[in-house]
């Protein structure tokens, strides 16, 4: 299944889910609010640990995103796993990481797969890699918000 078809299928499922759950979209003129984001990480290598730390710090300093513990209500979940491909020979020079973004409609329901990436990050580019992940997270939050806004909750009496 190609990526565009999968994304269209996920969007269609989310639209149906949002309609069934009766979730409300914010009015178009509502002031923007920060999107809650949680990070779940498995990063046992040195560069991967630094990447996860820089990602969390980037989320904390973001104007549109806020880092929250997983136990609180959240919008976006980031799951990141890192590993040093050279752990037996020249450890600590770079990490390979996999990131999966999932989203939830808060009031009722599970997390839905949104997108993912796999990349390599050198020890001298950790801040740049983390900034890219924060920007990708912001894009996920915007896309999901646009989907919700385009499908407002039916009014109930």
Protein backbone atom coordinates (compact mmCIF):
# COMPACT_ATOMS: atom_id res chain seq x y z
CA UNK A 1 0.00 0.00 0.00
CA UNK A 2 1.56 3.32 -0.98
CA UNK A 3 2.03 6.16 1.49
CA UNK A 4 -0.56 8.52 -0.04
CA UNK A 5 -3.24 5.86 -0.05
CA UNK A 6 -2.41 4.92 3.55
CA UNK A 7 -2.54 8.55 4.68
CA UNK A 8 -5.88 9.07 2.86
CA UNK A 9 -7.21 5.93 4.53
CA UNK A 10 -6.06 7.12 7.97
CA UNK A 11 -7.62 10.56 7.37
CA UNK A 12 -10.91 8.99 6.33
CA UNK A 13 -10.89 6.79 9.44
CA UNK A 14 -10.12 9.81 11.62
CA UNK A 15 -12.95 11.80 10.10
CA UNK A 16 -15.34 8.95 10.83
CA UNK A 17 -13.92 8.57 14.33
CA UNK A 18 -14.23 12.28 15.09
CA UNK A 19 -17.80 12.30 13.85
CA UNK A 20 -18.79 9.27 15.92
CA UNK A 21 -17.04 10.55 19.06
CA UNK A 22 -18.71 13.94 18.64
CA UNK A 23 -15.54 15.89 19.23
CA UNK A 24 -15.73 19.59 18.81
CA UNK A 25 -13.37 21.62 16.76
CA UNK A 26 -12.40 25.00 18.07
CA UNK A 27 -14.12 27.92 16.38
CA UNK A 28 -12.10 29.32 13.47
CA UNK A 29 -11.42 32.56 15.36
CA UNK A 30 -10.32 30.85 18.59
CA UNK A 31 -6.84 31.78 19.76
CA UNK A 32 -4.29 29.05 19.13
CA UNK A 33 -3.49 26.89 22.11
CA UNK A 34 -0.44 24.80 22.74
CA UNK A 35 -0.66 21.20 21.64
CA UNK A 36 0.21 18.65 24.33
CA UNK A 37 2.98 16.27 23.32
CA UNK A 38 4.48 13.29 25.17
CA UNK A 39 7.77 11.61 24.32
CA UNK A 40 8.31 7.92 24.91
CA UNK A 41 11.97 7.05 24.33
CA UNK A 42 14.29 4.09 24.24
CA UNK A 43 17.74 5.61 23.83
CA UNK A 44 20.52 3.66 25.46
CA UNK A 45 23.32 5.00 23.27
CA UNK A 46 25.17 8.23 24.03
CA UNK A 47 24.19 10.25 20.95
CA UNK A 48 20.62 8.95 21.06
CA UNK A 49 20.27 10.04 24.68
CA UNK A 50 21.49 13.51 23.75
CA UNK A 51 19.02 13.58 20.83
CA UNK A 52 16.07 12.70 23.06
CA UNK A 53 17.13 15.31 25.62
CA UNK A 54 17.44 17.98 22.90
CA UNK A 55 14.03 16.96 21.49
CA UNK A 56 12.37 17.36 24.88
CA UNK A 57 14.08 20.72 25.44
CA UNK A 58 12.93 21.86 22.00
CA UNK A 59 9.35 20.91 22.82
CA UNK A 60 9.57 22.77 26.15
CA UNK A 61 10.70 25.96 24.41
CA UNK A 62 8.19 25.70 21.54
CA UNK A 63 5.48 28.36 21.20
CA UNK A 64 2.94 25.92 19.77
CA UNK A 65 3.77 22.67 21.58
CA UNK A 66 4.02 21.73 25.24
CA UNK A 67 5.74 18.69 26.69
CA UNK A 68 3.53 16.72 29.09
CA UNK A 69 3.88 13.46 31.02
CA UNK A 70 2.21 10.53 29.30
CA UNK A 71 -0.38 10.23 32.06
CA UNK A 72 -1.97 13.59 31.25
CA UNK A 73 -4.36 14.21 28.37
CA UNK A 74 -2.30 14.72 25.27
CA UNK A 75 -2.67 15.21 21.57
CA UNK A 76 0.51 13.88 20.01
CA UNK A 77 2.67 10.98 21.14
CA UNK A 78 6.24 10.72 19.90
CA UNK A 79 7.81 7.31 20.16
CA UNK A 80 11.55 7.36 19.48
CA UNK A 81 14.03 4.49 19.50
CA UNK A 82 17.74 5.06 18.94
CA UNK A 83 20.76 2.83 18.53
CA UNK A 84 24.45 3.22 17.85
CA UNK A 85 25.23 1.17 14.74
CA UNK A 86 28.91 1.06 15.69
CA UNK A 87 28.43 0.15 19.35
CA UNK A 88 31.13 -2.53 19.19
CA UNK A 89 33.84 -0.54 17.44
CA UNK A 90 33.67 3.26 17.53
CA UNK A 91 30.74 4.03 19.80
CA UNK A 92 29.46 7.54 20.35
CA UNK A 93 29.88 9.02 16.87
CA UNK A 94 26.28 8.83 15.66
CA UNK A 95 22.90 7.26 16.21
CA UNK A 96 20.22 5.79 14.00
CA UNK A 97 16.74 6.69 15.17
CA UNK A 98 13.18 5.75 14.38
CA UNK A 99 10.34 8.09 15.28
CA UNK A 100 6.61 7.36 15.12
CA UNK A 101 4.02 10.11 15.64
CA UNK A 102 0.56 9.08 16.81
CA UNK A 103 -2.37 11.38 17.52
CA UNK A 104 -5.49 11.15 19.64
CA UNK A 105 -8.76 13.01 19.75
CA UNK A 106 -8.44 13.32 23.56
CA UNK A 107 -11.99 12.76 24.74
CA UNK A 108 -12.56 9.30 23.43
CA UNK A 109 -10.30 6.90 21.83
CA UNK A 110 -7.05 5.36 20.97
CA UNK A 111 -3.96 6.79 19.36
CA UNK A 112 -3.90 6.78 15.57
CA UNK A 113 -0.77 6.36 13.52
CA UNK A 114 0.05 9.60 11.70
CA UNK A 115 3.57 9.30 10.27
CA UNK A 116 7.07 8.03 10.94
CA UNK A 117 10.69 8.48 9.96
CA UNK A 118 14.03 6.75 10.24
CA UNK A 119 17.24 8.79 10.11
CA UNK A 120 20.86 9.03 11.14
CA UNK A 121 22.27 11.78 13.37
CA UNK A 122 25.94 12.50 14.00
CA UNK A 123 27.22 13.64 17.38
CA UNK A 124 27.89 17.15 16.00
CA UNK A 125 24.35 17.52 14.60
CA UNK A 126 22.24 16.54 17.61
CA UNK A 127 20.65 19.99 18.07
CA UNK A 128 19.89 20.23 14.35
CA UNK A 129 18.30 16.77 14.30
CA UNK A 130 16.21 17.58 17.38
CA UNK A 131 15.06 20.90 15.88
CA UNK A 132 13.97 19.01 12.76
CA UNK A 133 11.94 16.58 14.91
CA UNK A 134 10.29 19.49 16.76
CA UNK A 135 9.38 21.04 13.39
CA UNK A 136 8.00 17.70 12.18
CA UNK A 137 5.94 17.43 15.39
CA UNK A 138 4.56 20.92 14.84
CA UNK A 139 3.58 19.90 11.30
CA UNK A 140 1.77 16.81 12.65
CA UNK A 141 -0.12 18.97 15.18
CA UNK A 142 -1.13 21.47 12.49
CA UNK A 143 -2.31 18.75 10.08
CA UNK A 144 -4.40 17.07 12.79
CA UNK A 145 -5.85 20.41 13.93
CA UNK A 146 -6.82 21.23 10.34
CA UNK A 147 -8.53 17.85 10.03
CA UNK A 148 -10.51 18.49 13.23
CA UNK A 149 -11.45 22.03 12.20
CA UNK A 150 -12.73 20.80 8.86
CA UNK A 151 -15.08 18.34 10.62
CA UNK A 152 -16.81 20.12 13.50
CA UNK A 153 -18.85 18.24 16.07
CA UNK A 154 -22.56 17.92 15.43
CA UNK A 155 -24.56 20.07 17.82
CA UNK A 156 -26.46 18.26 20.56
CA UNK A 157 -29.37 19.59 22.58
